[in-house]
Amino acid sequence: MADHGEAVCRQVDGGMTRVFELFGKRWTGLIVATLMPGPVHFADLRRAIPGISERMLSDRLAELAATGLVVREVDAGPPLRVSYRLSEAGRAMEPSLKELGRWAETYLADGGQCPERFRK
Protein backbone atom coordinates (compact mmCIF):
# COMPACT_ATOMS: atom_id res chain seq x y z
CA MET A 1 0.00 0.00 0.00
CA ALA A 2 1.26 3.49 -0.84
CA ASP A 3 2.51 5.78 1.92
CA HIS A 4 0.23 8.81 2.18
CA GLY A 5 1.83 10.57 5.09
CA GLU A 6 2.22 14.29 5.62
CA ALA A 7 5.35 14.53 3.45
CA VAL A 8 3.52 13.04 0.45
CA CYS A 9 0.57 15.38 0.93
CA ARG A 10 2.90 18.39 0.84
CA GLN A 11 4.05 17.30 -2.61
CA VAL A 12 0.64 17.71 -4.25
CA ASP A 13 1.05 19.37 -7.63
CA GLY A 14 1.11 23.16 -7.30
CA GLY A 15 -1.14 23.66 -10.32
CA MET A 16 -3.82 21.38 -8.92
CA THR A 17 -3.59 23.15 -5.59
CA ARG A 18 -4.23 26.53 -7.27
CA VAL A 19 -7.11 25.15 -9.33
CA PHE A 20 -8.89 23.73 -6.30
CA GLU A 21 -8.22 26.82 -4.19
CA LEU A 22 -10.28 28.72 -6.75
CA PHE A 23 -12.78 26.14 -8.02
CA GLY A 24 -13.21 24.48 -4.65
CA LYS A 25 -15.19 27.50 -3.52
CA ARG A 26 -18.94 27.19 -3.73
CA TRP A 27 -20.53 28.79 -6.82
CA THR A 28 -17.30 29.44 -8.75
CA GLY A 29 -17.72 26.55 -11.19
CA LEU A 30 -21.39 27.39 -11.80
CA ILE A 31 -20.55 31.01 -12.52
CA VAL A 32 -17.88 30.03 -15.05
CA ALA A 33 -20.20 27.45 -16.64
CA THR A 34 -22.97 30.05 -16.96
CA LEU A 35 -20.58 32.44 -18.69
CA MET A 36 -19.36 29.84 -21.21
CA PRO A 37 -21.91 30.65 -23.94
CA GLY A 38 -21.12 34.36 -23.83
CA PRO A 39 -21.50 37.62 -21.88
CA VAL A 40 -24.20 37.80 -19.20
CA HIS A 41 -25.57 40.80 -17.32
CA PHE A 42 -25.28 40.65 -13.54
CA ALA A 43 -29.04 40.36 -12.94
CA ASP A 44 -29.36 37.56 -15.50
CA LEU A 45 -26.40 35.75 -13.97
CA ARG A 46 -28.03 36.02 -10.55
CA ARG A 47 -31.27 34.52 -11.89
CA ALA A 48 -29.40 31.73 -13.71
CA ILE A 49 -27.82 30.43 -10.48
CA PRO A 50 -30.59 29.66 -7.96
CA GLY A 51 -29.59 30.09 -4.34
CA ILE A 52 -26.65 32.47 -4.80
CA SER A 53 -26.94 35.82 -3.06
CA GLU A 54 -26.07 39.07 -4.82
CA ARG A 55 -23.23 39.61 -2.36
CA MET A 56 -21.75 36.16 -2.98
CA LEU A 57 -22.09 36.55 -6.75
CA SER A 58 -20.40 39.93 -6.60
CA ASP A 59 -17.57 38.54 -4.44
CA ARG A 60 -16.98 35.53 -6.68
CA LEU A 61 -17.05 37.66 -9.84
CA ALA A 62 -14.53 40.05 -8.33
CA GLU A 63 -12.29 37.11 -7.44
CA LEU A 64 -12.59 35.62 -10.93
CA ALA A 65 -11.82 39.02 -12.46
CA ALA A 66 -8.77 39.40 -10.22
CA THR A 67 -7.46 36.03 -11.43
CA GLY A 68 -7.98 37.06 -15.05
CA LEU A 69 -10.67 34.49 -15.87
CA VAL A 70 -13.56 36.96 -16.11
CA VAL A 71 -13.82 40.41 -17.67
CA ARG A 72 -16.21 42.99 -16.23
CA GLU A 73 -17.73 45.39 -18.75
CA VAL A 74 -19.94 48.40 -18.04
CA ASP A 75 -22.61 48.87 -20.69
CA ALA A 76 -23.42 52.51 -21.36
CA GLY A 77 -26.95 53.31 -20.30
CA PRO A 78 -29.43 54.35 -19.68
CA PRO A 79 -29.85 52.19 -17.78
CA LEU A 80 -26.30 51.49 -16.73
CA ARG A 81 -25.72 47.72 -16.78
CA VAL A 82 -22.75 45.55 -15.97
CA SER A 83 -22.01 42.38 -17.88
CA TYR A 84 -19.40 39.71 -17.44
CA ARG A 85 -17.68 37.46 -19.94
CA LEU A 86 -14.91 34.91 -19.84
CA SER A 87 -11.45 36.03 -20.85
CA GLU A 88 -9.34 33.93 -23.18
CA ALA A 89 -7.99 32.12 -20.11
CA GLY A 90 -11.53 31.50 -18.85
CA ARG A 91 -12.70 30.18 -22.21
CA ALA A 92 -9.70 27.83 -22.29
CA MET A 93 -11.25 26.00 -19.33
CA GLU A 94 -14.28 24.89 -21.34
CA PRO A 95 -12.92 21.49 -22.46
CA SER A 96 -11.89 20.63 -18.91
CA LEU A 97 -15.22 21.65 -17.41
CA LYS A 98 -17.18 19.78 -20.08
CA GLU A 99 -15.10 16.68 -19.38
CA LEU A 100 -15.85 17.01 -15.65
CA GLY A 101 -19.54 17.22 -16.53
CA ARG A 102 -19.30 14.02 -18.60
CA TRP A 103 -17.44 12.33 -15.74
CA ALA A 104 -20.20 13.35 -13.31
CA GLU A 105 -22.90 11.98 -15.62
CA THR A 106 -21.13 8.63 -15.71
CA TYR A 107 -19.90 8.28 -12.15
CA LEU A 108 -22.16 10.49 -10.02
CA ALA A 109 -25.46 10.03 -11.79
CA ASP A 110 -27.19 8.34 -8.83
CA GLY A 111 -27.90 11.42 -6.73
CA GLY A 112 -24.24 12.27 -6.25
CA GLN A 113 -23.22 8.71 -5.40
CA CYS A 114 -21.04 6.46 -7.51
CA PRO A 115 -23.13 3.57 -8.83
CA GLU A 116 -22.27 0.25 -7.22
CA ARG A 117 -20.70 -1.10 -10.41
CA PHE A 118 -17.94 1.56 -10.21
CA ARG A 119 -17.04 1.07 -6.54
CA LYS A 120 -14.62 -1.80 -7.06
C-alpha atoms as a PDB file:
ATOM      1  CA  MET A   1       0.000   0.000   0.000  1.00  0.00           C
ATOM      2  CA  ALA A   2       1.258   3.495  -0.836  1.00  0.00           C
ATOM      3  CA  ASP A   3       2.509   5.778   1.917  1.00  0.00           C
ATOM      4  CA  HIS A   4       0.228   8.808   2.180  1.00  0.00           C
ATOM      5  CA  GLY A   5       1.833  10.565   5.089  1.00  0.00           C
ATOM      6  CA  GLU A   6       2.224  14.286   5.618  1.00  0.00           C
ATOM      7  CA  ALA A   7       5.350  14.530   3.445  1.00  0.00           C
ATOM      8  CA  VAL A   8       3.519  13.043   0.454  1.00  0.00           C
ATOM      9  CA  CYS A   9       0.566  15.382   0.929  1.00  0.00           C
ATOM     10  CA  ARG A  10       2.895  18.386   0.836  1.00  0.00           C
ATOM     11  CA  GLN A  11       4.053  17.298  -2.612  1.00  0.00           C
ATOM     12  CA  VAL A  12       0.643  17.711  -4.253  1.00  0.00           C
ATOM     13  CA  ASP A  13       1.053  19.369  -7.627  1.00  0.00           C
ATOM     14  CA  GLY A  14       1.106  23.161  -7.302  1.00  0.00           C
ATOM     15  CA  GLY A  15      -1.145  23.655 -10.318  1.00  0.00           C
ATOM     16  CA  MET A  16      -3.825  21.376  -8.922  1.00  0.00           C
ATOM     17  CA  THR A  17      -3.593  23.152  -5.594  1.00  0.00           C
ATOM     18  CA  ARG A  18      -4.227  26.526  -7.267  1.00  0.00           C
ATOM     19  CA  VAL A  19      -7.113  25.148  -9.333  1.00  0.00           C
ATOM     20  CA  PHE A  20      -8.894  23.733  -6.304  1.00  0.00           C
ATOM     21  CA  GLU A  21      -8.225  26.817  -4.194  1.00  0.00           C
ATOM     22  CA  LEU A  22     -10.282  28.718  -6.750  1.00  0.00           C
ATOM     23  CA  PHE A  23     -12.778  26.137  -8.020  1.00  0.00           C
ATOM     24  CA  GLY A  24     -13.206  24.476  -4.648  1.00  0.00           C
ATOM     25  CA  LYS A  25     -15.194  27.495  -3.520  1.00  0.00           C
ATOM     26  CA  ARG A  26     -18.938  27.194  -3.735  1.00  0.00           C
ATOM     27  CA  TRP A  27     -20.529  28.787  -6.823  1.00  0.00           C
ATOM     28  CA  THR A  28     -17.296  29.440  -8.753  1.00  0.00           C
ATOM     29  CA  GLY A  29     -17.723  26.554 -11.187  1.00  0.00           C
ATOM     30  CA  LEU A  30     -21.390  27.387 -11.797  1.00  0.00           C
ATOM     31  CA  ILE A  31     -20.545  31.006 -12.520  1.00  0.00           C
ATOM     32  CA  VAL A  32     -17.885  30.029 -15.047  1.00  0.00           C
ATOM     33  CA  ALA A  33     -20.199  27.454 -16.643  1.00  0.00           C
ATOM     34  CA  THR A  34     -22.971  30.050 -16.955  1.00  0.00           C
ATOM     35  CA  LEU A  35     -20.584  32.441 -18.689  1.00  0.00           C
ATOM     36  CA  MET A  36     -19.356  29.835 -21.210  1.00  0.00           C
ATOM     37  CA  PRO A  37     -21.911  30.646 -23.936  1.00  0.00           C
ATOM     38  CA  GLY A  38     -21.124  34.365 -23.826  1.00  0.00           C
ATOM     39  CA  PRO A  39     -21.497  37.621 -21.880  1.00  0.00           C
ATOM     40  CA  VAL A  40     -24.196  37.796 -19.204  1.00  0.00           C
ATOM     41  CA  HIS A  41     -25.574  40.799 -17.317  1.00  0.00           C
ATOM     42  CA  PHE A  42     -25.277  40.651 -13.540  1.00  0.00           C
ATOM     43  CA  ALA A  43     -29.038  40.362 -12.940  1.00  0.00           C
ATOM     44  CA  ASP A  44     -29.358  37.560 -15.500  1.00  0.00           C
ATOM     45  CA  LEU A  45     -26.401  35.752 -13.973  1.00  0.00           C
ATOM     46  CA  ARG A  46     -28.033  36.020 -10.553  1.00  0.00           C
ATOM     47  CA  ARG A  47     -31.271  34.518 -11.890  1.00  0.00           C
ATOM     48  CA  ALA A  48     -29.404  31.734 -13.709  1.00  0.00           C
ATOM     49  CA  ILE A  49     -27.822  30.434 -10.475  1.00  0.00           C
ATOM     50  CA  PRO A  50     -30.589  29.661  -7.962  1.00  0.00           C
ATOM     51  CA  GLY A  51     -29.590  30.089  -4.341  1.00  0.00           C
ATOM     52  CA  ILE A  52     -26.648  32.465  -4.803  1.00  0.00           C
ATOM     53  CA  SER A  53     -26.941  35.824  -3.065  1.00  0.00           C
ATOM     54  CA  GLU A  54     -26.071  39.072  -4.821  1.00  0.00           C
ATOM     55  CA  ARG A  55     -23.230  39.614  -2.364  1.00  0.00           C
ATOM     56  CA  MET A  56     -21.747  36.157  -2.979  1.00  0.00           C
ATOM     57  CA  LEU A  57     -22.090  36.551  -6.750  1.00  0.00           C
ATOM     58  CA  SER A  58     -20.404  39.929  -6.599  1.00  0.00           C
ATOM     59  CA  ASP A  59     -17.574  38.543  -4.442  1.00  0.00           C
ATOM     60  CA  ARG A  60     -16.983  35.530  -6.683  1.00  0.00           C
ATOM     61  CA  LEU A  61     -17.052  37.661  -9.845  1.00  0.00           C
ATOM     62  CA  ALA A  62     -14.525  40.049  -8.326  1.00  0.00           C
ATOM     63  CA  GLU A  63     -12.288  37.109  -7.441  1.00  0.00           C
ATOM     64  CA  LEU A  64     -12.589  35.622 -10.934  1.00  0.00           C
ATOM     65  CA  ALA A  65     -11.825  39.023 -12.465  1.00  0.00           C
ATOM     66  CA  ALA A  66      -8.772  39.399 -10.217  1.00  0.00           C
ATOM     67  CA  THR A  67      -7.456  36.025 -11.430  1.00  0.00           C
ATOM     68  CA  GLY A  68      -7.979  37.060 -15.050  1.00  0.00           C
ATOM     69  CA  LEU A  69     -10.667  34.493 -15.870  1.00  0.00           C
ATOM     70  CA  VAL A  70     -13.555  36.960 -16.110  1.00  0.00           C
ATOM     71  CA  VAL A  71     -13.815  40.407 -17.673  1.00  0.00           C
ATOM     72  CA  ARG A  72     -16.214  42.990 -16.225  1.00  0.00           C
ATOM     73  CA  GLU A  73     -17.735  45.394 -18.749  1.00  0.00           C
ATOM     74  CA  VAL A  74     -19.939  48.405 -18.039  1.00  0.00           C
ATOM     75  CA  ASP A  75     -22.612  48.867 -20.695  1.00  0.00           C
ATOM     76  CA  ALA A  76     -23.422  52.507 -21.363  1.00  0.00           C
ATOM     77  CA  GLY A  77     -26.952  53.307 -20.301  1.00  0.00           C
ATOM     78  CA  PRO A  78     -29.431  54.351 -19.680  1.00  0.00           C
ATOM     79  CA  PRO A  79     -29.855  52.194 -17.778  1.00  0.00           C
ATOM     80  CA  LEU A  80     -26.295  51.491 -16.728  1.00  0.00           C
ATOM     81  CA  ARG A  81     -25.718  47.724 -16.776  1.00  0.00           C
ATOM     82  CA  VAL A  82     -22.751  45.554 -15.973  1.00  0.00           C
ATOM     83  CA  SER A  83     -22.012  42.384 -17.879  1.00  0.00           C
ATOM     84  CA  TYR A  84     -19.398  39.710 -17.438  1.00  0.00           C
ATOM     85  CA  ARG A  85     -17.682  37.462 -19.936  1.00  0.00           C
ATOM     86  CA  LEU A  86     -14.912  34.908 -19.835  1.00  0.00           C
ATOM     87  CA  SER A  87     -11.455  36.034 -20.846  1.00  0.00           C
ATOM     88  CA  GLU A  88      -9.343  33.930 -23.179  1.00  0.00           C
ATOM     89  CA  ALA A  89      -7.986  32.120 -20.107  1.00  0.00           C
ATOM     90  CA  GLY A  90     -11.526  31.504 -18.849  1.00  0.00           C
ATOM     91  CA  ARG A  91     -12.701  30.181 -22.215  1.00  0.00           C
ATOM     92  CA  ALA A  92      -9.701  27.834 -22.286  1.00  0.00           C
ATOM     93  CA  MET A  93     -11.255  25.997 -19.329  1.00  0.00           C
ATOM     94  CA  GLU A  94     -14.282  24.894 -21.343  1.00  0.00           C
ATOM     95  CA  PRO A  95     -12.922  21.493 -22.464  1.00  0.00           C
ATOM     96  CA  SER A  96     -11.890  20.627 -18.911  1.00  0.00           C
ATOM     97  CA  LEU A  97     -15.222  21.652 -17.408  1.00  0.00           C
ATOM     98  CA  LYS A  98     -17.179  19.785 -20.076  1.00  0.00           C
ATOM     99  CA  GLU A  99     -15.098  16.685 -19.377  1.00  0.00           C
ATOM    100  CA  LEU A 100     -15.848  17.011 -15.651  1.00  0.00           C
ATOM    101  CA  GLY A 101     -19.542  17.217 -16.526  1.00  0.00           C
ATOM    102  CA  ARG A 102     -19.298  14.022 -18.595  1.00  0.00           C
ATOM    103  CA  TRP A 103     -17.441  12.331 -15.740  1.00  0.00           C
ATOM    104  CA  ALA A 104     -20.201  13.351 -13.311  1.00  0.00           C
ATOM    105  CA  GLU A 105     -22.897  11.984 -15.624  1.00  0.00           C
ATOM    106  CA  THR A 106     -21.127   8.634 -15.707  1.00  0.00           C
ATOM    107  CA  TYR A 107     -19.898   8.278 -12.148  1.00  0.00           C
ATOM    108  CA  LEU A 108     -22.158  10.493 -10.018  1.00  0.00           C
ATOM    109  CA  ALA A 109     -25.459  10.025 -11.794  1.00  0.00           C
ATOM    110  CA  ASP A 110     -27.186   8.335  -8.831  1.00  0.00           C
ATOM    111  CA  GLY A 111     -27.901  11.419  -6.726  1.00  0.00           C
ATOM    112  CA  GLY A 112     -24.238  12.266  -6.248  1.00  0.00           C
ATOM    113  CA  GLN A 113     -23.224   8.706  -5.403  1.00  0.00           C
ATOM    114  CA  CYS A 114     -21.037   6.457  -7.507  1.00  0.00           C
ATOM    115  CA  PRO A 115     -23.134   3.569  -8.825  1.00  0.00           C
ATOM    116  CA  GLU A 116     -22.272   0.253  -7.217  1.00  0.00           C
ATOM    117  CA  ARG A 117     -20.703  -1.103 -10.415  1.00  0.00           C
ATOM    118  CA  PHE A 118     -17.940   1.558 -10.210  1.00  0.00           C
ATOM    119  CA  ARG A 119     -17.040   1.075  -6.538  1.00  0.00           C
ATOM    120  CA  LYS A 120     -14.619  -1.803  -7.057  1.00  0.00           C
END
